[in-house]
C-alpha atoms as a PDB file:
ATOM      1  CA  UNK A   1      25.142  26.160 -30.368  1.00  0.00           C
ATOM      2  CA  UNK A   2      23.734  25.737 -26.852  1.00  0.00           C
ATOM      3  CA  UNK A   3      20.683  27.793 -27.828  1.00  0.00           C
ATOM      4  CA  UNK A   4      20.046  25.559 -30.838  1.00  0.00           C
ATOM      5  CA  UNK A   5      20.442  22.446 -28.696  1.00  0.00           C
ATOM      6  CA  UNK A   6      18.013  23.851 -26.120  1.00  0.00           C
ATOM      7  CA  UNK A   7      15.532  24.653 -28.903  1.00  0.00           C
ATOM      8  CA  UNK A   8      15.861  21.098 -30.217  1.00  0.00           C
ATOM      9  CA  UNK A   9      15.296  19.614 -26.767  1.00  0.00           C
ATOM     10  CA  UNK A  10      12.224  21.782 -26.224  1.00  0.00           C
ATOM     11  CA  UNK A  11      10.671  21.165 -29.641  1.00  0.00           C
ATOM     12  CA  UNK A  12      11.830  17.766 -30.910  1.00  0.00           C
ATOM     13  CA  UNK A  13       8.563  15.976 -30.165  1.00  0.00           C
ATOM     14  CA  UNK A  14       6.511  18.371 -32.286  1.00  0.00           C
ATOM     15  CA  UNK A  15       9.227  18.330 -34.960  1.00  0.00           C
ATOM     16  CA  UNK A  16       9.149  14.529 -34.996  1.00  0.00           C
ATOM     17  CA  UNK A  17       5.377  14.479 -35.240  1.00  0.00           C
ATOM     18  CA  UNK A  18       5.370  16.916 -38.154  1.00  0.00           C
ATOM     19  CA  UNK A  19       8.078  14.903 -39.918  1.00  0.00           C
ATOM     20  CA  UNK A  20       6.771  11.365 -39.608  1.00  0.00           C
ATOM     21  CA  UNK A  21       3.029  11.506 -39.110  1.00  0.00           C
ATOM     22  CA  UNK A  22       2.220  12.895 -42.552  1.00  0.00           C
ATOM     23  CA  UNK A  23       3.960   9.829 -43.979  1.00  0.00           C
ATOM     24  CA  UNK A  24       1.997   7.521 -41.693  1.00  0.00           C
ATOM     25  CA  UNK A  25      -1.257   9.279 -42.559  1.00  0.00           C
ATOM     26  CA  UNK A  26      -0.644   8.863 -46.264  1.00  0.00           C
ATOM     27  CA  UNK A  27       0.025   5.150 -45.876  1.00  0.00           C
ATOM     28  CA  UNK A  28      -2.740   4.115 -43.489  1.00  0.00           C
ATOM     29  CA  UNK A  29      -5.521   6.628 -44.090  1.00  0.00           C
ATOM     30  CA  UNK A  30      -8.009   7.088 -41.271  1.00  0.00           C
ATOM     31  CA  UNK A  31      -5.819   5.421 -38.638  1.00  0.00           C
ATOM     32  CA  UNK A  32      -2.985   7.768 -39.578  1.00  0.00           C
ATOM     33  CA  UNK A  33      -5.305  10.744 -39.259  1.00  0.00           C
ATOM     34  CA  UNK A  34      -6.365   9.576 -35.807  1.00  0.00           C
ATOM     35  CA  UNK A  35      -2.726   9.200 -34.804  1.00  0.00           C
ATOM     36  CA  UNK A  36      -2.047  12.722 -36.023  1.00  0.00           C
ATOM     37  CA  UNK A  37      -4.862  14.059 -33.883  1.00  0.00           C
ATOM     38  CA  UNK A  38      -3.682  12.087 -30.858  1.00  0.00           C
ATOM     39  CA  UNK A  39      -0.109  13.345 -31.192  1.00  0.00           C
ATOM     40  CA  UNK A  40      -1.288  16.939 -31.425  1.00  0.00           C
ATOM     41  CA  UNK A  41      -2.481  16.618 -27.829  1.00  0.00           C
ATOM     42  CA  UNK A  42      -0.205  18.717 -25.594  1.00  0.00           C
ATOM     43  CA  UNK A  43      -0.394  16.266 -22.701  1.00  0.00           C
ATOM     44  CA  UNK A  44       0.751  13.427 -24.936  1.00  0.00           C
ATOM     45  CA  UNK A  45       3.521  15.628 -26.367  1.00  0.00           C
ATOM     46  CA  UNK A  46       4.700  16.427 -22.832  1.00  0.00           C
ATOM     47  CA  UNK A  47       4.710  12.746 -21.898  1.00  0.00           C
ATOM     48  CA  UNK A  48       6.679  11.879 -25.036  1.00  0.00           C
ATOM     49  CA  UNK A  49       9.077  14.706 -24.278  1.00  0.00           C
ATOM     50  CA  UNK A  50       9.689  13.396 -20.742  1.00  0.00           C
ATOM     51  CA  UNK A  51      10.216   9.870 -22.042  1.00  0.00           C
ATOM     52  CA  UNK A  52      12.634  11.027 -24.716  1.00  0.00           C
ATOM     53  CA  UNK A  53      14.520  13.123 -22.139  1.00  0.00           C
ATOM     54  CA  UNK A  54      14.897  10.066 -19.906  1.00  0.00           C
ATOM     55  CA  UNK A  55      16.136   8.002 -22.847  1.00  0.00           C
ATOM     56  CA  UNK A  56      18.533  10.783 -23.825  1.00  0.00           C
ATOM     57  CA  UNK A  57      19.890  10.877 -20.268  1.00  0.00           C
ATOM     58  CA  UNK A  58      20.415   7.093 -20.220  1.00  0.00           C
ATOM     59  CA  UNK A  59      22.205   7.183 -23.576  1.00  0.00           C
ATOM     60  CA  UNK A  60      24.380  10.059 -22.338  1.00  0.00           C
ATOM     61  CA  UNK A  61      25.232   8.105 -19.189  1.00  0.00           C
ATOM     62  CA  UNK A  62      26.167   5.086 -21.300  1.00  0.00           C
ATOM     63  CA  UNK A  63      28.384   7.102 -23.626  1.00  0.00           C
ATOM     64  CA  UNK A  64      30.073   8.753 -20.650  1.00  0.00           C
ATOM     65  CA  UNK A  65      30.650   5.353 -19.020  1.00  0.00           C
ATOM     66  CA  UNK A  66      32.194   3.956 -22.209  1.00  0.00           C
ATOM     67  CA  UNK A  67      34.358   7.030 -22.609  1.00  0.00           C
ATOM     68  CA  UNK A  68      35.626   6.742 -19.026  1.00  0.00           C
ATOM     69  CA  UNK A  69      36.298   3.036 -19.477  1.00  0.00           C
ATOM     70  CA  UNK A  70      38.226   3.608 -22.712  1.00  0.00           C
ATOM     71  CA  UNK A  71      40.276   6.372 -21.085  1.00  0.00           C
ATOM     72  CA  UNK A  72      41.036   4.112 -18.129  1.00  0.00           C
ATOM     73  CA  UNK A  73      42.111   1.271 -20.452  1.00  0.00           C
ATOM     74  CA  UNK A  74      44.261   3.655 -22.476  1.00  0.00           C
ATOM     75  CA  UNK A  75      46.000   4.915 -19.314  1.00  0.00           C
ATOM     76  CA  UNK A  76      46.540   1.370 -18.031  1.00  0.00           C
ATOM     77  CA  UNK A  77      48.021   0.241 -21.361  1.00  0.00           C
ATOM     78  CA  UNK A  78      50.145   3.368 -21.653  1.00  0.00           C
ATOM     79  CA  UNK A  79      51.580   3.028 -18.153  1.00  0.00           C
ATOM     80  CA  UNK A  80      52.600  -0.604 -18.743  1.00  0.00           C
ATOM     81  CA  UNK A  81      54.868   0.264 -21.639  1.00  0.00           C
END
């Protein structure tokens, strides 16, 4: 499972581009084609990957914070009884 997760982290930007950009290209024609070309740029893919990684880290931090807070509340409520 870790290998699949690593693969997803390494390749999600290109997977996203392949999934959504054909739909955009069909709906907006030339502009969609230009977007497709722009997103095929490796530098742009790397930048998107870094941004998504930062967002993923922030979301993970938030989930961990909420989990810790819920555990703390559960322990406080359990010890009062």
